[in-house]
Amino acid sequence: MKISIHDGVVIGYAVNFLKHELLIDIETVADEAVTVAFDNYLAHDFEHVMAGSILFDIEEADVTTFFVKNREQFEAHKLHAWPIWYDDVEELKQYLQNNNYKCYVVFSSFGLSGYIFAKTFEIKKK
């Protein structure tokens, strides 16, 4: 049976840069504790981080479409070499695609939202 994170409350999240992993702990509406694990993690950008955040969903976004919609943001990020060194946004997009990174968008009903660049994600019961 698939675990639903819809309307789950974010308990917290952690990044381990050495393991290339981002973990989001969630309490589901069924009162189960689960962890969403993003493996081969590269970077994330979260907004509205706060206690009591309620998730709507996490969806994989098409990288090309995502970059079209967020081009200005990545133009600004390149001055800070985030998430890698790149000269133009197309170079970053190609790097992600050539190295099999995916873009996972975190949608919220309330609070924490944003996106993650990683190769895979999995929802695990604690």
PDB file of N, CA and C in Angstrom:
ATOM      1  N   MET A   1       0.842  -1.176   0.000  1.00  0.00           N
ATOM      2  CA  MET A   1       0.000   0.000   0.000  1.00  0.00           C
ATOM      3  C   MET A   1       0.892   1.246   0.000  1.00  0.00           C
ATOM      4  N   LYS A   2       0.538   2.186  -0.828  1.00  0.00           N
ATOM      5  CA  LYS A   2       1.308   3.421  -0.939  1.00  0.00           C
ATOM      6  C   LYS A   2       1.061   4.309   0.283  1.00  0.00           C
ATOM      7  N   ILE A   3       2.131   4.891   0.774  1.00  0.00           N
ATOM      8  CA  ILE A   3       2.041   5.804   1.919  1.00  0.00           C
ATOM      9  C   ILE A   3       1.691   7.184   1.395  1.00  0.00           C
ATOM     10  N   SER A   4       0.672   7.802   1.964  1.00  0.00           N
ATOM     11  CA  SER A   4       0.265   9.141   1.557  1.00  0.00           C
ATOM     12  C   SER A   4       0.863  10.179   2.496  1.00  0.00           C
ATOM     13  N   ILE A   5       1.514  11.187   1.894  1.00  0.00           N
ATOM     14  CA  ILE A   5       2.035  12.297   2.697  1.00  0.00           C
ATOM     15  C   ILE A   5       1.119  13.518   2.601  1.00  0.00           C
ATOM     16  N   HIS A   6       0.058  13.412   1.807  1.00  0.00           N
ATOM     17  CA  HIS A   6      -0.890  14.521   1.640  1.00  0.00           C
ATOM     18  C   HIS A   6      -1.459  14.914   3.000  1.00  0.00           C
ATOM     19  N   ASP A   7      -1.375  16.192   3.305  1.00  0.00           N
ATOM     20  CA  ASP A   7      -1.822  16.767   4.576  1.00  0.00           C
ATOM     21  C   ASP A   7      -0.992  16.317   5.774  1.00  0.00           C
ATOM     22  N   GLY A   8       0.172  15.731   5.498  1.00  0.00           N
ATOM     23  CA  GLY A   8       1.081  15.369   6.580  1.00  0.00           C
ATOM     24  C   GLY A   8       1.775  16.604   7.132  1.00  0.00           C
ATOM     25  N   VAL A   9       2.111  16.551   8.409  1.00  0.00           N
ATOM     26  CA  VAL A   9       2.787  17.662   9.080  1.00  0.00           C
ATOM     27  C   VAL A   9       4.291  17.408   9.067  1.00  0.00           C
ATOM     28  N   VAL A  10       5.038  18.412   8.626  1.00  0.00           N
ATOM     29  CA  VAL A  10       6.496  18.303   8.594  1.00  0.00           C
ATOM     30  C   VAL A  10       7.020  18.423  10.026  1.00  0.00           C
ATOM     31  N   ILE A  11       7.723  17.381  10.453  1.00  0.00           N
ATOM     32  CA  ILE A  11       8.326  17.368  11.785  1.00  0.00           C
ATOM     33  C   ILE A  11       9.684  18.059  11.747  1.00  0.00           C
ATOM     34  N   GLY A  12      10.400  17.863  10.648  1.00  0.00           N
ATOM     35  CA  GLY A  12      11.710  18.479  10.484  1.00  0.00           C
ATOM     36  C   GLY A  12      12.387  17.929   9.250  1.00  0.00           C
ATOM     37  N   TYR A  13      13.518  18.535   8.925  1.00  0.00           N
ATOM     38  CA  TYR A  13      14.299  17.995   7.814  1.00  0.00           C
ATOM     39  C   TYR A  13      15.771  18.153   8.125  1.00  0.00           C
ATOM     40  N   ALA A  14      16.575  17.310   7.462  1.00  0.00           N
ATOM     41  CA  ALA A  14      18.023  17.339   7.681  1.00  0.00           C
ATOM     42  C   ALA A  14      18.739  17.030   6.376  1.00  0.00           C
ATOM     43  N   VAL A  15      19.910  17.622   6.220  1.00  0.00           N
ATOM     44  CA  VAL A  15      20.754  17.377   5.063  1.00  0.00           C
ATOM     45  C   VAL A  15      22.073  16.812   5.557  1.00  0.00           C
ATOM     46  N   ASN A  16      22.519  15.726   4.912  1.00  0.00           N
ATOM     47  CA  ASN A  16      23.837  15.184   5.178  1.00  0.00           C
ATOM     48  C   ASN A  16      24.627  15.336   3.886  1.00  0.00           C
ATOM     49  N   PHE A  17      25.537  16.301   3.864  1.00  0.00           N
ATOM     50  CA  PHE A  17      26.287  16.598   2.646  1.00  0.00           C
ATOM     51  C   PHE A  17      27.281  15.481   2.304  1.00  0.00           C
ATOM     52  N   LEU A  18      27.788  14.780   3.306  1.00  0.00           N
ATOM     53  CA  LEU A  18      28.724  13.689   3.034  1.00  0.00           C
ATOM     54  C   LEU A  18      28.023  12.482   2.408  1.00  0.00           C
ATOM     55  N   LYS A  19      26.786  12.228   2.838  1.00  0.00           N
ATOM     56  CA  LYS A  19      26.014  11.101   2.281  1.00  0.00           C
ATOM     57  C   LYS A  19      25.184  11.514   1.073  1.00  0.00           C
ATOM     58  N   HIS A  20      25.191  12.810   0.734  1.00  0.00           N
ATOM     59  CA  HIS A  20      24.386  13.338  -0.373  1.00  0.00           C
ATOM     60  C   HIS A  20      22.920  12.943  -0.190  1.00  0.00           C
ATOM     61  N   GLU A  21      22.375  13.348   0.957  1.00  0.00           N
ATOM     62  CA  GLU A  21      21.033  12.904   1.334  1.00  0.00           C
ATOM     63  C   GLU A  21      20.284  14.042   2.024  1.00  0.00           C
ATOM     64  N   LEU A  22      19.012  14.198   1.665  1.00  0.00           N
ATOM     65  CA  LEU A  22      18.121  15.112   2.367  1.00  0.00           C
ATOM     66  C   LEU A  22      16.945  14.287   2.863  1.00  0.00           C
ATOM     67  N   LEU A  23      16.606  14.438   4.134  1.00  0.00           N
ATOM     68  CA  LEU A  23      15.521  13.690   4.750  1.00  0.00           C
ATOM     69  C   LEU A  23      14.467  14.652   5.286  1.00  0.00           C
ATOM     70  N   ILE A  24      13.210  14.356   5.001  1.00  0.00           N
ATOM     71  CA  ILE A  24      12.099  15.136   5.561  1.00  0.00           C
ATOM     72  C   ILE A  24      11.255  14.173   6.390  1.00  0.00           C
ATOM     73  N   ASP A  25      11.137  14.454   7.689  1.00  0.00           N
ATOM     74  CA  ASP A  25      10.306  13.633   8.568  1.00  0.00           C
ATOM     75  C   ASP A  25       8.900  14.218   8.611  1.00  0.00           C
ATOM     76  N   ILE A  26       7.917  13.327   8.488  1.00  0.00           N
ATOM     77  CA  ILE A  26       6.515  13.741   8.382  1.00  0.00           C
ATOM     78  C   ILE A  26       5.643  12.862   9.266  1.00  0.00           C
ATOM     79  N   GLU A  27       4.649  13.472   9.885  1.00  0.00           N
ATOM     80  CA  GLU A  27       3.594  12.719  10.559  1.00  0.00           C
ATOM     81  C   GLU A  27       2.373  12.751   9.645  1.00  0.00           C
ATOM     82  N   THR A  28       1.964  11.587   9.165  1.00  0.00           N
ATOM     83  CA  THR A  28       0.860  11.512   8.213  1.00  0.00           C
ATOM     84  C   THR A  28      -0.479  11.695   8.924  1.00  0.00           C
ATOM     85  N   VAL A  29      -1.540  11.854   8.145  1.00  0.00           N
ATOM     86  CA  VAL A  29      -2.881  11.980   8.727  1.00  0.00           C
ATOM     87  C   VAL A  29      -3.311  10.688   9.410  1.00  0.00           C
ATOM     88  N   ALA A  30      -2.641   9.567   9.064  1.00  0.00           N
ATOM     89  CA  ALA A  30      -2.920   8.279   9.714  1.00  0.00           C
ATOM     90  C   ALA A  30      -2.050   8.098  10.957  1.00  0.00           C
ATOM     91  N   ASP A  31      -1.422   9.197  11.420  1.00  0.00           N
ATOM     92  CA  ASP A  31      -0.549   9.197  12.598  1.00  0.00           C
ATOM     93  C   ASP A  31       0.639   8.246  12.466  1.00  0.00           C
ATOM     94  N   GLU A  32       1.137   8.084  11.239  1.00  0.00           N
ATOM     95  CA  GLU A  32       2.349   7.309  11.009  1.00  0.00           C
ATOM     96  C   GLU A  32       3.517   8.278  10.871  1.00  0.00           C
ATOM     97  N   ALA A  33       4.662   7.882  11.393  1.00  0.00           N
ATOM     98  CA  ALA A  33       5.877   8.664  11.205  1.00  0.00           C
ATOM     99  C   ALA A  33       6.597   8.101   9.986  1.00  0.00           C
ATOM    100  N   VAL A  34       6.852   8.957   9.005  1.00  0.00           N
ATOM    101  CA  VAL A  34       7.543   8.542   7.790  1.00  0.00           C
ATOM    102  C   VAL A  34       8.674   9.517   7.492  1.00  0.00           C
ATOM    103  N   THR A  35       9.604   9.036   6.689  1.00  0.00           N
ATOM    104  CA  THR A  35      10.707   9.871   6.223  1.00  0.00           C
ATOM    105  C   THR A  35      10.710   9.846   4.708  1.00  0.00           C
ATOM    106  N   VAL A  36      10.765  11.024   4.111  1.00  0.00           N
ATOM    107  CA  VAL A  36      10.960  11.125   2.676  1.00  0.00           C
ATOM    108  C   VAL A  36      12.461  11.323   2.483  1.00  0.00           C
ATOM    109  N   ALA A  37      13.099  10.342   1.836  1.00  0.00           N
ATOM    110  CA  ALA A  37      14.552  10.353   1.655  1.00  0.00           C
ATOM    111  C   ALA A  37      14.889  10.678   0.208  1.00  0.00           C
ATOM    112  N   PHE A  38      15.646  11.746   0.015  1.00  0.00           N
ATOM    113  CA  PHE A  38      16.137  12.137  -1.308  1.00  0.00           C
ATOM    114  C   PHE A  38      17.595  11.711  -1.377  1.00  0.00           C
ATOM    115  N   ASP A  39      17.883  10.735  -2.226  1.00  0.00           N
ATOM    116  CA  ASP A  39      19.238  10.207  -2.344  1.00  0.00           C
ATOM    117  C   ASP A  39      19.960  10.817  -3.536  1.00  0.00           C
ATOM    118  N   ASN A  40      21.281  10.788  -3.456  1.00  0.00           N
ATOM    119  CA  ASN A  40      22.123  11.452  -4.447  1.00  0.00           C
ATOM    120  C   ASN A  40      21.691  12.916  -4.569  1.00  0.00           C
ATOM    121  N   TYR A  41      21.498  13.516  -3.423  1.00  0.00           N
ATOM    122  CA  TYR A  41      21.063  14.894  -3.273  1.00  0.00           C
ATOM    123  C   TYR A  41      22.151  15.855  -3.760  1.00  0.00           C
ATOM    124  N   LEU A  42      21.730  16.892  -4.466  1.00  0.00           N
ATOM    125  CA  LEU A  42      22.652  17.940  -4.915  1.00  0.00           C
ATOM    126  C   LEU A  42      22.393  19.251  -4.180  1.00  0.00           C
ATOM    127  N   ALA A  43      21.133  19.699  -4.158  1.00  0.00           N
ATOM    128  CA  ALA A  43      20.813  20.996  -3.552  1.00  0.00           C
ATOM    129  C   ALA A  43      19.304  21.105  -3.357  1.00  0.00           C
ATOM    130  N   HIS A  44      18.915  22.078  -2.521  1.00  0.00           N
ATOM    131  CA  HIS A  44      17.489  22.360  -2.345  1.00  0.00           C
ATOM    132  C   HIS A  44      17.301  23.857  -2.122  1.00  0.00           C
ATOM    133  N   ASP A  45      16.080  24.293  -2.327  1.00  0.00           N
ATOM    134  CA  ASP A  45      15.709  25.685  -2.063  1.00  0.00           C
ATOM    135  C   ASP A  45      14.316  25.652  -1.451  1.00  0.00           C
ATOM    136  N   PHE A  46      14.252  25.891  -0.145  1.00  0.00           N
ATOM    137  CA  PHE A  46      12.975  25.884   0.565  1.00  0.00           C
ATOM    138  C   PHE A  46      12.596  27.309   0.956  1.00  0.00           C
ATOM    139  N   GLU A  47      11.298  27.557   0.957  1.00  0.00           N
ATOM    140  CA  GLU A  47      10.742  28.826   1.437  1.00  0.00           C
ATOM    141  C   GLU A  47       9.729  28.525   2.527  1.00  0.00           C
ATOM    142  N   HIS A  48       9.425  29.520   3.301  1.00  0.00           N
ATOM    143  CA  HIS A  48       8.366  29.437   4.309  1.00  0.00           C
ATOM    144  C   HIS A  48       8.583  28.281   5.284  1.00  0.00           C
ATOM    145  N   VAL A  49       9.838  28.064   5.672  1.00  0.00           N
ATOM    146  CA  VAL A  49      10.174  26.992   6.606  1.00  0.00           C
ATOM    147  C   VAL A  49       9.676  27.393   7.988  1.00  0.00           C
ATOM    148  N   MET A  50       8.801  26.564   8.539  1.00  0.00           N
ATOM    149  CA  MET A  50       8.220  26.882   9.848  1.00  0.00           C
ATOM    150  C   MET A  50       7.616  25.644  10.480  1.00  0.00           C
ATOM    151  N   ALA A  51       7.511  25.670  11.791  1.00  0.00           N
ATOM    152  CA  ALA A  51       6.849  24.588  12.512  1.00  0.00           C
ATOM    153  C   ALA A  51       5.384  24.518  12.085  1.00  0.00           C
ATOM    154  N   GLY A  52       4.870  23.317  12.011  1.00  0.00           N
ATOM    155  CA  GLY A  52       3.466  23.137  11.660  1.00  0.00           C
ATOM    156  C   GLY A  52       3.199  23.137  10.162  1.00  0.00           C
ATOM    157  N   SER A  53       4.238  23.096   9.335  1.00  0.00           N
ATOM    158  CA  SER A  53       4.046  23.069   7.882  1.00  0.00           C
ATOM    159  C   SER A  53       3.265  21.823   7.482  1.00  0.00           C
ATOM    160  N   ILE A  54       2.340  22.001   6.568  1.00  0.00           N
ATOM    161  CA  ILE A  54       1.494  20.900   6.094  1.00  0.00           C
ATOM    162  C   ILE A  54       1.752  20.698   4.610  1.00  0.00           C
ATOM    163  N   LEU A  55       2.166  19.474   4.259  1.00  0.00           N
ATOM    164  CA  LEU A  55       2.469  19.165   2.864  1.00  0.00           C
ATOM    165  C   LEU A  55       1.207  18.909   2.058  1.00  0.00           C
ATOM    166  N   PHE A  56       1.253  19.316   0.819  1.00  0.00           N
ATOM    167  CA  PHE A  56       0.216  18.943  -0.138  1.00  0.00           C
ATOM    168  C   PHE A  56       0.707  17.737  -0.932  1.00  0.00           C
ATOM    169  N   ASP A  57       1.922  17.854  -1.516  1.00  0.00           N
ATOM    170  CA  ASP A  57       2.465  16.757  -2.301  1.00  0.00           C
ATOM    171  C   ASP A  57       3.910  17.061  -2.661  1.00  0.00           C
ATOM    172  N   ILE A  58       4.610  16.033  -3.149  1.00  0.00           N
ATOM    173  CA  ILE A  58       5.938  16.178  -3.732  1.00  0.00           C
ATOM    174  C   ILE A  58       5.849  15.546  -5.115  1.00  0.00           C
ATOM    175  N   GLU A  59       6.171  16.336  -6.134  1.00  0.00           N
ATOM    176  CA  GLU A  59       6.056  15.860  -7.511  1.00  0.00           C
ATOM    177  C   GLU A  59       7.351  16.096  -8.268  1.00  0.00           C
ATOM    178  N   GLU A  60       7.645  15.174  -9.185  1.00  0.00           N
ATOM    179  CA  GLU A  60       8.791  15.366 -10.064  1.00  0.00           C
ATOM    180  C   GLU A  60       8.402  16.352 -11.159  1.00  0.00           C
ATOM    181  N   ALA A  61       9.243  17.349 -11.376  1.00  0.00           N
ATOM    182  CA  ALA A  61       9.000  18.354 -12.415  1.00  0.00           C
ATOM    183  C   ALA A  61       9.893  18.071 -13.612  1.00  0.00           C
ATOM    184  N   ASP A  62       9.416  18.372 -14.788  1.00  0.00           N
ATOM    185  CA  ASP A  62      10.231  18.302 -15.982  1.00  0.00           C
ATOM    186  C   ASP A  62      11.310  19.373 -15.871  1.00  0.00           C
ATOM    187  N   VAL A  63      12.580  18.967 -15.980  1.00  0.00           N
ATOM    188  CA  VAL A  63      13.696  19.896 -15.776  1.00  0.00           C
ATOM    189  C   VAL A  63      13.651  21.062 -16.760  1.00  0.00           C
ATOM    190  N   THR A  64      13.376  20.769 -18.023  1.00  0.00           N
ATOM    191  CA  THR A  64      13.348  21.842 -19.033  1.00  0.00           C
ATOM    192  C   THR A  64      12.269  22.862 -18.702  1.00  0.00           C
ATOM    193  N   THR A  65      11.078  22.408 -18.399  1.00  0.00           N
ATOM    194  CA  THR A  65       9.969  23.308 -18.048  1.00  0.00           C
ATOM    195  C   THR A  65      10.296  24.086 -16.778  1.00  0.00           C
ATOM    196  N   PHE A  66      10.879  23.411 -15.787  1.00  0.00           N
ATOM    197  CA  PHE A  66      11.229  24.053 -14.525  1.00  0.00           C
ATOM    198  C   PHE A  66      12.214  25.198 -14.768  1.00  0.00           C
ATOM    199  N   PHE A  67      13.186  24.980 -15.646  1.00  0.00           N
ATOM    200  CA  PHE A  67      14.180  26.020 -15.920  1.00  0.00           C
ATOM    201  C   PHE A  67      13.597  27.179 -16.715  1.00  0.00           C
ATOM    202  N   VAL A  68      12.642  26.916 -17.558  1.00  0.00           N
ATOM    203  CA  VAL A  68      11.978  28.008 -18.283  1.00  0.00           C
ATOM    204  C   VAL A  68      11.255  28.911 -17.282  1.00  0.00           C
ATOM    205  N   LYS A  69      10.538  28.299 -16.340  1.00  0.00           N
ATOM    206  CA  LYS A  69       9.756  29.064 -15.366  1.00  0.00           C
ATOM    207  C   LYS A  69      10.625  29.793 -14.340  1.00  0.00           C
ATOM    208  N   ASN A  70      11.835  29.283 -14.095  1.00  0.00           N
ATOM    209  CA  ASN A  70      12.678  29.821 -13.018  1.00  0.00           C
ATOM    210  C   ASN A  70      14.013  30.378 -13.519  1.00  0.00           C
ATOM    211  N   ARG A  71      14.075  30.740 -14.781  1.00  0.00           N
ATOM    212  CA  ARG A  71      15.317  31.206 -15.402  1.00  0.00           C
ATOM    213  C   ARG A  71      15.942  32.370 -14.633  1.00  0.00           C
ATOM    214  N   GLU A  72      15.150  33.366 -14.271  1.00  0.00           N
ATOM    215  CA  GLU A  72      15.689  34.539 -13.569  1.00  0.00           C
ATOM    216  C   GLU A  72      16.347  34.148 -12.249  1.00  0.00           C
ATOM    217  N   GLN A  73      15.723  33.240 -11.539  1.00  0.00           N
ATOM    218  CA  GLN A  73      16.282  32.791 -10.263  1.00  0.00           C
ATOM    219  C   GLN A  73      17.649  32.146 -10.476  1.00  0.00           C
ATOM    220  N   PHE A  74      17.784  31.297 -11.499  1.00  0.00           N
ATOM    221  CA  PHE A  74      19.060  30.633 -11.746  1.00  0.00           C
ATOM    222  C   PHE A  74      20.098  31.583 -12.329  1.00  0.00           C
ATOM    223  N   GLU A  75      19.678  32.597 -13.045  1.00  0.00           N
ATOM    224  CA  GLU A  75      20.613  33.629 -13.507  1.00  0.00           C
ATOM    225  C   GLU A  75      21.234  34.321 -12.290  1.00  0.00           C
ATOM    226  N   ALA A  76      20.429  34.610 -11.285  1.00  0.00           N
ATOM    227  CA  ALA A  76      20.930  35.249 -10.066  1.00  0.00           C
ATOM    228  C   ALA A  76      21.807  34.298  -9.251  1.00  0.00           C
ATOM    229  N   HIS A  77      21.445  33.018  -9.217  1.00  0.00           N
ATOM    230  CA  HIS A  77      22.205  32.040  -8.430  1.00  0.00           C
ATOM    231  C   HIS A  77      23.596  31.781  -8.991  1.00  0.00           C
ATOM    232  N   LYS A  78      23.785  31.955 -10.293  1.00  0.00           N
ATOM    233  CA  LYS A  78      25.090  31.617 -10.880  1.00  0.00           C
ATOM    234  C   LYS A  78      26.204  32.485 -10.311  1.00  0.00           C
ATOM    235  N   LEU A  79      25.885  33.679  -9.854  1.00  0.00           N
ATOM    236  CA  LEU A  79      26.901  34.537  -9.234  1.00  0.00           C
ATOM    237  C   LEU A  79      27.432  33.940  -7.927  1.00  0.00           C
ATOM    238  N   HIS A  80      26.657  33.027  -7.351  1.00  0.00           N
ATOM    239  CA  HIS A  80      27.032  32.380  -6.086  1.00  0.00           C
ATOM    240  C   HIS A  80      27.437  30.925  -6.293  1.00  0.00           C
ATOM    241  N   ALA A  81      27.562  30.503  -7.571  1.00  0.00           N
ATOM    242  CA  ALA A  81      27.943  29.125  -7.906  1.00  0.00           C
ATOM    243  C   ALA A  81      26.989  28.117  -7.273  1.00  0.00           C
ATOM    244  N   TRP A  82      25.701  28.435  -7.320  1.00  0.00           N
ATOM    245  CA  TRP A  82      24.707  27.551  -6.717  1.00  0.00           C
ATOM    246  C   TRP A  82      23.800  26.976  -7.785  1.00  0.00           C
ATOM    247  N   PRO A  83      23.590  25.694  -7.834  1.00  0.00           N
ATOM    248  CA  PRO A  83      24.137  24.670  -6.942  1.00  0.00           C
ATOM    249  C   PRO A  83      25.509  24.146  -7.358  1.00  0.00           C
ATOM    250  N   ILE A  84      25.983  24.537  -8.531  1.00  0.00           N
ATOM    251  CA  ILE A  84      27.333  24.213  -9.002  1.00  0.00           C
ATOM    252  C   ILE A  84      27.860  25.449  -9.729  1.00  0.00           C
ATOM    253  N   TRP A  85      29.132  25.433 -10.126  1.00  0.00           N
ATOM    254  CA  TRP A  85      29.650  26.499 -10.982  1.00  0.00           C
ATOM    255  C   TRP A  85      29.068  26.330 -12.372  1.00  0.00           C
ATOM    256  N   TYR A  86      28.537  27.407 -12.953  1.00  0.00           N
ATOM    257  CA  TYR A  86      28.045  27.374 -14.332  1.00  0.00           C
ATOM    258  C   TYR A  86      28.071  28.786 -14.895  1.00  0.00           C
ATOM    259  N   ASP A  87      28.259  28.862 -16.226  1.00  0.00           N
ATOM    260  CA  ASP A  87      28.325  30.162 -16.888  1.00  0.00           C
ATOM    261  C   ASP A  87      26.968  30.651 -17.362  1.00  0.00           C
ATOM    262  N   ASP A  88      26.114  29.699 -17.720  1.00  0.00           N
ATOM    263  CA  ASP A  88      24.752  30.083 -18.102  1.00  0.00           C
ATOM    264  C   ASP A  88      23.781  28.988 -17.676  1.00  0.00           C
ATOM    265  N   VAL A  89      22.532  29.337 -17.642  1.00  0.00           N
ATOM    266  CA  VAL A  89      21.490  28.447 -17.128  1.00  0.00           C
ATOM    267  C   VAL A  89      21.400  27.166 -17.956  1.00  0.00           C
ATOM    268  N   GLU A  90      21.617  27.270 -19.242  1.00  0.00           N
ATOM    269  CA  GLU A  90      21.578  26.084 -20.104  1.00  0.00           C
ATOM    270  C   GLU A  90      22.651  25.072 -19.677  1.00  0.00           C
ATOM    271  N   GLU A  91      23.822  25.562 -19.288  1.00  0.00           N
ATOM    272  CA  GLU A  91      24.892  24.678 -18.827  1.00  0.00           C
ATOM    273  C   GLU A  91      24.468  23.922 -17.562  1.00  0.00           C
ATOM    274  N   LEU A  92      23.817  24.614 -16.637  1.00  0.00           N
ATOM    275  CA  LEU A  92      23.320  23.968 -15.418  1.00  0.00           C
ATOM    276  C   LEU A  92      22.271  22.926 -15.758  1.00  0.00           C
ATOM    277  N   LYS A  93      21.341  23.290 -16.597  1.00  0.00           N
ATOM    278  CA  LYS A  93      20.286  22.352 -16.998  1.00  0.00           C
ATOM    279  C   LYS A  93      20.890  21.095 -17.630  1.00  0.00           C
ATOM    280  N   GLN A  94      21.863  21.272 -18.513  1.00  0.00           N
ATOM    281  CA  GLN A  94      22.518  20.131 -19.165  1.00  0.00           C
ATOM    282  C   GLN A  94      23.260  19.260 -18.149  1.00  0.00           C
ATOM    283  N   TYR A  95      23.899  19.901 -17.174  1.00  0.00           N
ATOM    284  CA  TYR A  95      24.592  19.144 -16.130  1.00  0.00           C
ATOM    285  C   TYR A  95      23.607  18.248 -15.383  1.00  0.00           C
ATOM    286  N   LEU A  96      22.493  18.811 -14.983  1.00  0.00           N
ATOM    287  CA  LEU A  96      21.491  18.037 -14.248  1.00  0.00           C
ATOM    288  C   LEU A  96      20.974  16.874 -15.097  1.00  0.00           C
ATOM    289  N   GLN A  97      20.650  17.142 -16.347  1.00  0.00           N
ATOM    290  CA  GLN A  97      20.129  16.103 -17.222  1.00  0.00           C
ATOM    291  C   GLN A  97      21.185  15.032 -17.516  1.00  0.00           C
ATOM    292  N   ASN A  98      22.409  15.447 -17.821  1.00  0.00           N
ATOM    293  CA  ASN A  98      23.474  14.492 -18.146  1.00  0.00           C
ATOM    294  C   ASN A  98      23.858  13.609 -16.961  1.00  0.00           C
ATOM    295  N   ASN A  99      23.640  14.104 -15.744  1.00  0.00           N
ATOM    296  CA  ASN A  99      23.981  13.351 -14.541  1.00  0.00           C
ATOM    297  C   ASN A  99      22.765  12.735 -13.858  1.00  0.00           C
ATOM    298  N   ASN A 100      21.644  12.707 -14.569  1.00  0.00           N
ATOM    299  CA  ASN A 100      20.415  12.032 -14.117  1.00  0.00           C
ATOM    300  C   ASN A 100      19.808  12.601 -12.840  1.00  0.00           C
ATOM    301  N   TYR A 101      20.008  13.911 -12.613  1.00  0.00           N
ATOM    302  CA  TYR A 101      19.329  14.554 -11.492  1.00  0.00           C
ATOM    303  C   TYR A 101      17.897  14.865 -11.898  1.00  0.00           C
ATOM    304  N   LYS A 102      17.018  14.809 -10.921  1.00  0.00           N
ATOM    305  CA  LYS A 102      15.624  15.157 -11.132  1.00  0.00           C
ATOM    306  C   LYS A 102      15.301  16.355 -10.251  1.00  0.00           C
ATOM    307  N   CYS A 103      14.240  17.037 -10.611  1.00  0.00           N
ATOM    308  CA  CYS A 103      13.769  18.167  -9.819  1.00  0.00           C
ATOM    309  C   CYS A 103      12.466  17.756  -9.149  1.00  0.00           C
ATOM    310  N   TYR A 104      12.475  17.736  -7.824  1.00  0.00           N
ATOM    311  CA  TYR A 104      11.285  17.393  -7.053  1.00  0.00           C
ATOM    312  C   TYR A 104      10.736  18.673  -6.422  1.00  0.00           C
ATOM    313  N   VAL A 105       9.481  18.965  -6.708  1.00  0.00           N
ATOM    314  CA  VAL A 105       8.856  20.181  -6.195  1.00  0.00           C
ATOM    315  C   VAL A 105       8.005  19.814  -4.987  1.00  0.00           C
ATOM    316  N   VAL A 106       8.220  20.540  -3.897  1.00  0.00           N
ATOM    317  CA  VAL A 106       7.470  20.333  -2.658  1.00  0.00           C
ATOM    318  C   VAL A 106       6.355  21.373  -2.618  1.00  0.00           C
ATOM    319  N   PHE A 107       5.129  20.887  -2.651  1.00  0.00           N
ATOM    320  CA  PHE A 107       3.957  21.762  -2.564  1.00  0.00           C
ATOM    321  C   PHE A 107       3.399  21.670  -1.153  1.00  0.00           C
ATOM    322  N   SER A 108       2.974  22.798  -0.630  1.00  0.00           N
ATOM    323  CA  SER A 108       2.418  22.778   0.723  1.00  0.00           C
ATOM    324  C   SER A 108       1.025  23.371   0.750  1.00  0.00           C
ATOM    325  N   SER A 109       0.280  22.919   1.728  1.00  0.00           N
ATOM    326  CA  SER A 109      -0.995  23.558   2.036  1.00  0.00           C
ATOM    327  C   SER A 109      -0.741  24.740   2.955  1.00  0.00           C
ATOM    328  N   PHE A 110       0.371  24.630   3.708  1.00  0.00           N
ATOM    329  CA  PHE A 110       0.721  25.653   4.693  1.00  0.00           C
ATOM    330  C   PHE A 110       2.201  25.505   5.021  1.00  0.00           C
ATOM    331  N   GLY A 111       2.969  26.554   4.849  1.00  0.00           N
ATOM    332  CA  GLY A 111       4.369  26.524   5.275  1.00  0.00           C
ATOM    333  C   GLY A 111       5.336  26.060   4.206  1.00  0.00           C
ATOM    334  N   LEU A 112       6.247  25.190   4.598  1.00  0.00           N
ATOM    335  CA  LEU A 112       7.394  24.774   3.808  1.00  0.00           C
ATOM    336  C   LEU A 112       7.040  24.376   2.381  1.00  0.00           C
ATOM    337  N   SER A 113       7.741  24.990   1.429  1.00  0.00           N
ATOM    338  CA  SER A 113       7.593  24.634   0.017  1.00  0.00           C
ATOM    339  C   SER A 113       8.938  24.876  -0.655  1.00  0.00           C
ATOM    340  N   GLY A 114       9.083  24.392  -1.872  1.00  0.00           N
ATOM    341  CA  GLY A 114      10.326  24.612  -2.595  1.00  0.00           C
ATOM    342  C   GLY A 114      10.627  23.473  -3.540  1.00  0.00           C
ATOM    343  N   TYR A 115      11.935  23.232  -3.749  1.00  0.00           N
ATOM    344  CA  TYR A 115      12.323  22.160  -4.664  1.00  0.00           C
ATOM    345  C   TYR A 115      13.656  21.569  -4.241  1.00  0.00           C
ATOM    346  N   ILE A 116      13.900  20.357  -4.769  1.00  0.00           N
ATOM    347  CA  ILE A 116      15.095  19.591  -4.439  1.00  0.00           C
ATOM    348  C   ILE A 116      15.655  19.006  -5.726  1.00  0.00           C
ATOM    349  N   PHE A 117      16.968  19.085  -5.899  1.00  0.00           N
ATOM    350  CA  PHE A 117      17.642  18.376  -6.978  1.00  0.00           C
ATOM    351  C   PHE A 117      18.278  17.130  -6.364  1.00  0.00           C
ATOM    352  N   ALA A 118      17.830  15.980  -6.804  1.00  0.00           N
ATOM    353  CA  ALA A 118      18.345  14.696  -6.331  1.00  0.00           C
ATOM    354  C   ALA A 118      18.082  13.668  -7.427  1.00  0.00           C
ATOM    355  N   LYS A 119      18.661  12.500  -7.285  1.00  0.00           N
ATOM    356  CA  LYS A 119      18.450  11.476  -8.306  1.00  0.00           C
ATOM    357  C   LYS A 119      17.230  10.611  -8.022  1.00  0.00           C
ATOM    358  N   THR A 120      16.922  10.388  -6.747  1.00  0.00           N
ATOM    359  CA  THR A 120      15.760   9.564  -6.387  1.00  0.00           C
ATOM    360  C   THR A 120      15.150  10.058  -5.086  1.00  0.00           C
ATOM    361  N   PHE A 121      13.907   9.644  -4.866  1.00  0.00           N
ATOM    362  CA  PHE A 121      13.328   9.831  -3.537  1.00  0.00           C
ATOM    363  C   PHE A 121      12.428   8.653  -3.213  1.00  0.00           C
ATOM    364  N   GLU A 122      12.295   8.418  -1.918  1.00  0.00           N
ATOM    365  CA  GLU A 122      11.518   7.276  -1.437  1.00  0.00           C
ATOM    366  C   GLU A 122      10.863   7.664  -0.121  1.00  0.00           C
ATOM    367  N   ILE A 123       9.664   7.172   0.100  1.00  0.00           N
ATOM    368  CA  ILE A 123       8.965   7.401   1.371  1.00  0.00           C
ATOM    369  C   ILE A 123       9.090   6.118   2.184  1.00  0.00           C
ATOM    370  N   LYS A 124       9.629   6.254   3.409  1.00  0.00           N
ATOM    371  CA  LYS A 124       9.875   5.108   4.256  1.00  0.00           C
ATOM    372  C   LYS A 124       9.163   5.274   5.604  1.00  0.00           C
ATOM    373  N   LYS A 125       8.578   4.201   6.098  1.00  0.00           N
ATOM    374  CA  LYS A 125       8.042   4.225   7.461  1.00  0.00           C
ATOM    375  C   LYS A 125       9.195   4.220   8.447  1.00  0.00           C
ATOM    376  N   LYS A 126       8.997   4.936   9.547  1.00  0.00           N
ATOM    377  CA  LYS A 126      10.050   4.976  10.584  1.00  0.00           C
ATOM    378  C   LYS A 126       9.909   3.802  11.528  1.00  0.00           C
TER     379      LYS A 126
END
